[in-house]
PDB file of N, CA and C in Angstrom:
ATOM      1  N   UNK A   1     -17.054-180.699-152.126  1.00  0.00           N
ATOM      2  CA  UNK A   1     -16.110-181.006-151.069  1.00  0.00           C
ATOM      3  C   UNK A   1     -15.087-181.983-151.612  1.00  0.00           C
ATOM      4  N   UNK A   2     -13.837-181.825-151.196  1.00  0.00           N
ATOM      5  CA  UNK A   2     -12.800-182.749-151.641  1.00  0.00           C
ATOM      6  C   UNK A   2     -12.863-184.013-150.816  1.00  0.00           C
ATOM      7  N   UNK A   3     -12.414-185.112-151.388  1.00  0.00           N
ATOM      8  CA  UNK A   3     -12.478-186.395-150.703  1.00  0.00           C
ATOM      9  C   UNK A   3     -11.587-186.486-149.483  1.00  0.00           C
ATOM     10  N   UNK A   4     -10.569-185.638-149.390  1.00  0.00           N
ATOM     11  CA  UNK A   4      -9.623-185.705-148.284  1.00  0.00           C
ATOM     12  C   UNK A   4     -10.173-185.094-146.999  1.00  0.00           C
ATOM     13  N   UNK A   5     -11.232-184.329-147.088  1.00  0.00           N
ATOM     14  CA  UNK A   5     -11.755-183.654-145.916  1.00  0.00           C
ATOM     15  C   UNK A   5     -12.862-184.467-145.256  1.00  0.00           C
ATOM     16  N   UNK A   6     -12.812-184.506-143.935  1.00  0.00           N
ATOM     17  CA  UNK A   6     -13.863-185.184-143.188  1.00  0.00           C
ATOM     18  C   UNK A   6     -15.087-184.284-143.126  1.00  0.00           C
ATOM     19  N   UNK A   7     -16.274-184.875-143.025  1.00  0.00           N
ATOM     20  CA  UNK A   7     -17.477-184.048-142.882  1.00  0.00           C
ATOM     21  C   UNK A   7     -17.376-183.186-141.627  1.00  0.00           C
ATOM     22  N   UNK A   8     -17.934-182.003-141.689  1.00  0.00           N
ATOM     23  CA  UNK A   8     -17.879-181.099-140.549  1.00  0.00           C
ATOM     24  C   UNK A   8     -19.196-181.136-139.784  1.00  0.00           C
ATOM     25  N   UNK A   9     -19.112-180.793-138.503  1.00  0.00           N
ATOM     26  CA  UNK A   9     -20.309-180.757-137.663  1.00  0.00           C
ATOM     27  C   UNK A   9     -21.120-179.515-137.996  1.00  0.00           C
ATOM     28  N   UNK A  10     -22.426-179.574-137.781  1.00  0.00           N
ATOM     29  CA  UNK A  10     -23.258-178.370-137.981  1.00  0.00           C
ATOM     30  C   UNK A  10     -22.789-177.246-137.051  1.00  0.00           C
ATOM     31  N   UNK A  11     -22.941-176.035-137.516  1.00  0.00           N
ATOM     32  CA  UNK A  11     -22.580-174.878-136.704  1.00  0.00           C
ATOM     33  C   UNK A  11     -23.615-174.679-135.601  1.00  0.00           C
ATOM     34  N   UNK A  12     -23.168-174.174-134.464  1.00  0.00           N
ATOM     35  CA  UNK A  12     -24.059-173.940-133.328  1.00  0.00           C
ATOM     36  C   UNK A  12     -24.083-172.455-132.989  1.00  0.00           C
ATOM     37  N   UNK A  13     -24.932-172.090-132.063  1.00  0.00           N
ATOM     38  CA  UNK A  13     -25.035-170.698-131.622  1.00  0.00           C
ATOM     39  C   UNK A  13     -23.722-170.232-130.985  1.00  0.00           C
ATOM     40  N   UNK A  14     -22.903-171.141-130.507  1.00  0.00           N
ATOM     41  CA  UNK A  14     -21.621-170.782-129.894  1.00  0.00           C
ATOM     42  C   UNK A  14     -20.551-170.452-130.933  1.00  0.00           C
ATOM     43  N   UNK A  15     -20.751-170.849-132.193  1.00  0.00           N
ATOM     44  CA  UNK A  15     -19.783-170.560-133.252  1.00  0.00           C
ATOM     45  C   UNK A  15     -19.953-169.103-133.690  1.00  0.00           C
ATOM     46  N   UNK A  16     -18.852-168.354-133.687  1.00  0.00           N
ATOM     47  CA  UNK A  16     -18.896-166.920-133.956  1.00  0.00           C
ATOM     48  C   UNK A  16     -18.058-166.566-135.180  1.00  0.00           C
ATOM     49  N   UNK A  17     -18.465-165.528-135.881  1.00  0.00           N
ATOM     50  CA  UNK A  17     -17.775-165.024-137.065  1.00  0.00           C
ATOM     51  C   UNK A  17     -16.375-164.554-136.684  1.00  0.00           C
ATOM     52  N   UNK A  18     -15.374-164.977-137.457  1.00  0.00           N
ATOM     53  CA  UNK A  18     -13.995-164.566-137.203  1.00  0.00           C
ATOM     54  C   UNK A  18     -13.752-163.097-137.542  1.00  0.00           C
ATOM     55  N   UNK A  19     -14.637-162.462-138.266  1.00  0.00           N
ATOM     56  CA  UNK A  19     -14.480-161.048-138.620  1.00  0.00           C
ATOM     57  C   UNK A  19     -15.181-160.110-137.646  1.00  0.00           C
ATOM     58  N   UNK A  20     -16.427-160.446-137.254  1.00  0.00           N
ATOM     59  CA  UNK A  20     -17.195-159.475-136.465  1.00  0.00           C
ATOM     60  C   UNK A  20     -17.783-160.030-135.167  1.00  0.00           C
ATOM     61  N   UNK A  21     -17.723-161.333-134.958  1.00  0.00           N
ATOM     62  CA  UNK A  21     -18.240-161.912-133.722  1.00  0.00           C
ATOM     63  C   UNK A  21     -19.711-162.290-133.736  1.00  0.00           C
ATOM     64  N   UNK A  22     -20.421-162.028-134.846  1.00  0.00           N
ATOM     65  CA  UNK A  22     -21.830-162.432-134.950  1.00  0.00           C
ATOM     66  C   UNK A  22     -21.908-163.959-135.054  1.00  0.00           C
ATOM     67  N   UNK A  23     -23.118-164.503-134.929  1.00  0.00           N
ATOM     68  CA  UNK A  23     -23.280-165.952-135.049  1.00  0.00           C
ATOM     69  C   UNK A  23     -22.826-166.406-136.425  1.00  0.00           C
ATOM     70  N   UNK A  24     -22.047-167.482-136.461  1.00  0.00           N
ATOM     71  CA  UNK A  24     -21.515-168.007-137.717  1.00  0.00           C
ATOM     72  C   UNK A  24     -22.512-168.942-138.390  1.00  0.00           C
ATOM     73  N   UNK A  25     -22.673-168.755-139.691  1.00  0.00           N
ATOM     74  CA  UNK A  25     -23.516-169.617-140.510  1.00  0.00           C
ATOM     75  C   UNK A  25     -22.744-170.188-141.694  1.00  0.00           C
ATOM     76  N   UNK A  26     -21.472-169.820-141.830  1.00  0.00           N
ATOM     77  CA  UNK A  26     -20.633-170.289-142.932  1.00  0.00           C
ATOM     78  C   UNK A  26     -19.293-170.733-142.368  1.00  0.00           C
ATOM     79  N   UNK A  27     -18.864-171.941-142.769  1.00  0.00           N
ATOM     80  CA  UNK A  27     -17.536-172.454-142.398  1.00  0.00           C
ATOM     81  C   UNK A  27     -16.756-172.662-143.687  1.00  0.00           C
ATOM     82  N   UNK A  28     -15.547-172.122-143.732  1.00  0.00           N
ATOM     83  CA  UNK A  28     -14.642-172.347-144.858  1.00  0.00           C
ATOM     84  C   UNK A  28     -13.531-173.263-144.369  1.00  0.00           C
ATOM     85  N   UNK A  29     -13.500-174.489-144.913  1.00  0.00           N
ATOM     86  CA  UNK A  29     -12.460-175.439-144.554  1.00  0.00           C
ATOM     87  C   UNK A  29     -11.314-175.232-145.542  1.00  0.00           C
ATOM     88  N   UNK A  30     -10.164-174.830-145.016  1.00  0.00           N
ATOM     89  CA  UNK A  30      -9.029-174.469-145.846  1.00  0.00           C
ATOM     90  C   UNK A  30      -8.246-175.690-146.316  1.00  0.00           C
ATOM     91  N   UNK A  31      -7.609-175.567-147.470  1.00  0.00           N
ATOM     92  CA  UNK A  31      -6.858-176.670-148.071  1.00  0.00           C
ATOM     93  C   UNK A  31      -5.743-177.148-147.148  1.00  0.00           C
ATOM     94  N   UNK A  32      -5.034-176.237-146.519  1.00  0.00           N
ATOM     95  CA  UNK A  32      -3.906-176.595-145.658  1.00  0.00           C
ATOM     96  C   UNK A  32      -4.307-177.043-144.271  1.00  0.00           C
ATOM     97  N   UNK A  33      -5.594-177.151-144.013  1.00  0.00           N
ATOM     98  CA  UNK A  33      -6.088-177.518-142.690  1.00  0.00           C
ATOM     99  C   UNK A  33      -6.633-176.291-141.981  1.00  0.00           C
ATOM    100  N   UNK A  34      -7.436-176.514-141.006  1.00  0.00           N
ATOM    101  CA  UNK A  34      -8.055-175.411-140.281  1.00  0.00           C
ATOM    102  C   UNK A  34      -9.305-174.913-140.980  1.00  0.00           C
ATOM    103  N   UNK A  35      -9.989-174.027-140.324  1.00  0.00           N
ATOM    104  CA  UNK A  35     -11.192-173.466-140.915  1.00  0.00           C
ATOM    105  C   UNK A  35     -11.400-172.046-140.428  1.00  0.00           C
ATOM    106  N   UNK A  36     -12.253-171.340-141.145  1.00  0.00           N
ATOM    107  CA  UNK A  36     -12.655-169.986-140.786  1.00  0.00           C
ATOM    108  C   UNK A  36     -14.167-169.978-140.668  1.00  0.00           C
ATOM    109  N   UNK A  37     -14.688-169.227-139.712  1.00  0.00           N
ATOM    110  CA  UNK A  37     -16.129-169.119-139.517  1.00  0.00           C
ATOM    111  C   UNK A  37     -16.563-167.699-139.846  1.00  0.00           C
ATOM    112  N   UNK A  38     -17.720-167.583-140.516  1.00  0.00           N
ATOM    113  CA  UNK A  38     -18.238-166.282-140.909  1.00  0.00           C
ATOM    114  C   UNK A  38     -19.735-166.190-140.676  1.00  0.00           C
ATOM    115  N   UNK A  39     -20.198-164.976-140.375  1.00  0.00           N
ATOM    116  CA  UNK A  39     -21.634-164.701-140.375  1.00  0.00           C
ATOM    117  C   UNK A  39     -22.092-164.741-141.833  1.00  0.00           C
ATOM    118  N   UNK A  40     -23.374-164.612-142.075  1.00  0.00           N
ATOM    119  CA  UNK A  40     -23.893-164.667-143.451  1.00  0.00           C
ATOM    120  C   UNK A  40     -23.291-163.550-144.301  1.00  0.00           C
ATOM    121  N   UNK A  41     -23.206-162.345-143.761  1.00  0.00           N
ATOM    122  CA  UNK A  41     -22.674-161.202-144.498  1.00  0.00           C
ATOM    123  C   UNK A  41     -21.220-161.434-144.930  1.00  0.00           C
ATOM    124  N   UNK A  42     -20.372-161.782-143.979  1.00  0.00           N
ATOM    125  CA  UNK A  42     -18.962-161.988-144.316  1.00  0.00           C
ATOM    126  C   UNK A  42     -18.759-163.272-145.119  1.00  0.00           C
ATOM    127  N   UNK A  43     -19.619-164.253-144.916  1.00  0.00           N
ATOM    128  CA  UNK A  43     -19.550-165.471-145.735  1.00  0.00           C
ATOM    129  C   UNK A  43     -19.760-165.151-147.202  1.00  0.00           C
ATOM    130  N   UNK A  44     -20.777-164.328-147.497  1.00  0.00           N
ATOM    131  CA  UNK A  44     -21.021-163.919-148.886  1.00  0.00           C
ATOM    132  C   UNK A  44     -19.851-163.101-149.426  1.00  0.00           C
ATOM    133  N   UNK A  45     -19.304-162.246-148.583  1.00  0.00           N
ATOM    134  CA  UNK A  45     -18.224-161.356-149.004  1.00  0.00           C
ATOM    135  C   UNK A  45     -16.964-162.126-149.402  1.00  0.00           C
ATOM    136  N   UNK A  46     -16.631-163.184-148.676  1.00  0.00           N
ATOM    137  CA  UNK A  46     -15.365-163.879-148.892  1.00  0.00           C
ATOM    138  C   UNK A  46     -15.476-165.241-149.579  1.00  0.00           C
ATOM    139  N   UNK A  47     -16.674-165.754-149.792  1.00  0.00           N
ATOM    140  CA  UNK A  47     -16.844-167.108-150.327  1.00  0.00           C
ATOM    141  C   UNK A  47     -16.155-167.324-151.666  1.00  0.00           C
ATOM    142  N   UNK A  48     -16.315-166.419-152.603  1.00  0.00           N
ATOM    143  CA  UNK A  48     -15.731-166.608-153.936  1.00  0.00           C
ATOM    144  C   UNK A  48     -14.212-166.674-153.878  1.00  0.00           C
ATOM    145  N   UNK A  49     -13.591-165.785-153.128  1.00  0.00           N
ATOM    146  CA  UNK A  49     -12.131-165.785-153.000  1.00  0.00           C
ATOM    147  C   UNK A  49     -11.649-167.065-152.320  1.00  0.00           C
ATOM    148  N   UNK A  50     -12.376-167.508-151.298  1.00  0.00           N
ATOM    149  CA  UNK A  50     -11.992-168.737-150.607  1.00  0.00           C
ATOM    150  C   UNK A  50     -12.131-169.947-151.522  1.00  0.00           C
ATOM    151  N   UNK A  51     -13.245-170.026-152.262  1.00  0.00           N
ATOM    152  CA  UNK A  51     -13.446-171.135-153.207  1.00  0.00           C
ATOM    153  C   UNK A  51     -12.346-171.165-154.257  1.00  0.00           C
ATOM    154  N   UNK A  52     -11.979-170.001-154.771  1.00  0.00           N
ATOM    155  CA  UNK A  52     -10.952-169.948-155.821  1.00  0.00           C
ATOM    156  C   UNK A  52      -9.586-170.384-155.296  1.00  0.00           C
ATOM    157  N   UNK A  53      -9.422-170.371-153.979  1.00  0.00           N
ATOM    158  CA  UNK A  53      -8.181-170.855-153.370  1.00  0.00           C
ATOM    159  C   UNK A  53      -8.327-172.279-152.837  1.00  0.00           C
ATOM    160  N   UNK A  54      -9.412-172.957-153.217  1.00  0.00           N
ATOM    161  CA  UNK A  54      -9.586-174.370-152.895  1.00  0.00           C
ATOM    162  C   UNK A  54     -10.308-174.689-151.612  1.00  0.00           C
ATOM    163  N   UNK A  55     -10.828-173.695-150.920  1.00  0.00           N
ATOM    164  CA  UNK A  55     -11.536-173.961-149.664  1.00  0.00           C
ATOM    165  C   UNK A  55     -12.889-174.614-149.946  1.00  0.00           C
ATOM    166  N   UNK A  56     -13.298-175.468-149.039  1.00  0.00           N
ATOM    167  CA  UNK A  56     -14.629-176.078-149.092  1.00  0.00           C
ATOM    168  C   UNK A  56     -15.542-175.225-148.211  1.00  0.00           C
ATOM    169  N   UNK A  57     -16.672-174.787-148.751  1.00  0.00           N
ATOM    170  CA  UNK A  57     -17.576-173.898-148.028  1.00  0.00           C
ATOM    171  C   UNK A  57     -18.785-174.673-147.520  1.00  0.00           C
ATOM    172  N   UNK A  58     -19.006-174.622-146.218  1.00  0.00           N
ATOM    173  CA  UNK A  58     -20.197-175.200-145.585  1.00  0.00           C
ATOM    174  C   UNK A  58     -21.124-174.027-145.285  1.00  0.00           C
ATOM    175  N   UNK A  59     -22.180-173.888-146.068  1.00  0.00           N
ATOM    176  CA  UNK A  59     -23.079-172.739-145.965  1.00  0.00           C
ATOM    177  C   UNK A  59     -24.389-173.163-145.308  1.00  0.00           C
ATOM    178  N   UNK A  60     -24.662-172.636-144.140  1.00  0.00           N
ATOM    179  CA  UNK A  60     -25.894-172.943-143.411  1.00  0.00           C
ATOM    180  C   UNK A  60     -26.792-171.710-143.303  1.00  0.00           C
ATOM    181  N   UNK A  61     -26.625-170.747-144.219  1.00  0.00           N
ATOM    182  CA  UNK A  61     -27.415-169.520-144.147  1.00  0.00           C
ATOM    183  C   UNK A  61     -28.897-169.759-144.381  1.00  0.00           C
ATOM    184  N   UNK A  62     -29.261-170.904-144.946  1.00  0.00           N
ATOM    185  CA  UNK A  62     -30.681-171.206-145.129  1.00  0.00           C
ATOM    186  C   UNK A  62     -31.399-171.312-143.788  1.00  0.00           C
ATOM    187  N   UNK A  63     -30.673-171.555-142.715  1.00  0.00           N
ATOM    188  CA  UNK A  63     -31.275-171.617-141.383  1.00  0.00           C
ATOM    189  C   UNK A  63     -31.845-170.273-140.954  1.00  0.00           C
ATOM    190  N   UNK A  64     -31.386-169.196-141.561  1.00  0.00           N
ATOM    191  CA  UNK A  64     -31.878-167.861-141.206  1.00  0.00           C
ATOM    192  C   UNK A  64     -33.328-167.642-141.625  1.00  0.00           C
ATOM    193  N   UNK A  65     -33.792-168.387-142.613  1.00  0.00           N
ATOM    194  CA  UNK A  65     -35.151-168.206-143.112  1.00  0.00           C
ATOM    195  C   UNK A  65     -36.086-169.334-142.701  1.00  0.00           C
ATOM    196  N   UNK A  66     -35.608-170.276-141.901  1.00  0.00           N
ATOM    197  CA  UNK A  66     -36.459-171.377-141.438  1.00  0.00           C
ATOM    198  C   UNK A  66     -37.505-170.845-140.463  1.00  0.00           C
ATOM    199  N   UNK A  67     -38.691-171.400-140.536  1.00  0.00           N
ATOM    200  CA  UNK A  67     -39.754-171.078-139.604  1.00  0.00           C
ATOM    201  C   UNK A  67     -39.860-172.216-138.606  1.00  0.00           C
ATOM    202  N   UNK A  68     -39.732-171.932-137.318  1.00  0.00           N
ATOM    203  CA  UNK A  68     -39.829-173.006-136.333  1.00  0.00           C
ATOM    204  C   UNK A  68     -41.227-173.622-136.326  1.00  0.00           C
ATOM    205  N   UNK A  69     -41.269-174.899-136.063  1.00  0.00           N
ATOM    206  CA  UNK A  69     -42.556-175.590-135.969  1.00  0.00           C
ATOM    207  C   UNK A  69     -43.293-175.096-134.722  1.00  0.00           C
ATOM    208  N   UNK A  70     -44.584-174.893-134.848  1.00  0.00           N
ATOM    209  CA  UNK A  70     -45.406-174.431-133.727  1.00  0.00           C
ATOM    210  C   UNK A  70     -46.331-175.565-133.323  1.00  0.00           C
ATOM    211  N   UNK A  71     -46.301-175.879-132.040  1.00  0.00           N
ATOM    212  CA  UNK A  71     -47.195-176.910-131.525  1.00  0.00           C
ATOM    213  C   UNK A  71     -48.407-176.212-130.894  1.00  0.00           C
ATOM    214  N   UNK A  72     -49.513-176.926-130.706  1.00  0.00           N
ATOM    215  CA  UNK A  72     -50.703-176.307-130.105  1.00  0.00           C
ATOM    216  C   UNK A  72     -50.414-175.659-128.744  1.00  0.00           C
ATOM    217  N   UNK A  73     -49.515-176.228-127.956  1.00  0.00           N
ATOM    218  CA  UNK A  73     -49.173-175.651-126.645  1.00  0.00           C
ATOM    219  C   UNK A  73     -48.474-174.305-126.800  1.00  0.00           C
ATOM    220  N   UNK A  74     -47.711-174.109-127.890  1.00  0.00           N
ATOM    221  CA  UNK A  74     -46.978-172.865-128.109  1.00  0.00           C
ATOM    222  C   UNK A  74     -47.910-171.719-128.484  1.00  0.00           C
ATOM    223  N   UNK A  75     -49.091-171.998-128.977  1.00  0.00           N
ATOM    224  CA  UNK A  75     -49.994-170.956-129.455  1.00  0.00           C
ATOM    225  C   UNK A  75     -50.707-170.229-128.328  1.00  0.00           C
ATOM    226  N   UNK A  76     -50.642-170.731-127.126  1.00  0.00           N
ATOM    227  CA  UNK A  76     -51.338-170.103-125.996  1.00  0.00           C
ATOM    228  C   UNK A  76     -50.668-168.872-125.534  1.00  0.00           C
TER     229      UNK A  76
END
């Protein structure tokens, strides 16, 4: 990340992919300001081109493989 950019907030379920409308897991913060949101598929597709143009990529796709914690009450 470049020093000029402020940290970004985590993506939420309300954040949607700018290409297809699926839940966004990747944010590309553009050099000129603004950002683009992508699902995991489109994030992978466009990440290299965006990086080569100086965008900072916030990738939260690891959340797709997280296992939620189970409490004893949830097992019933």
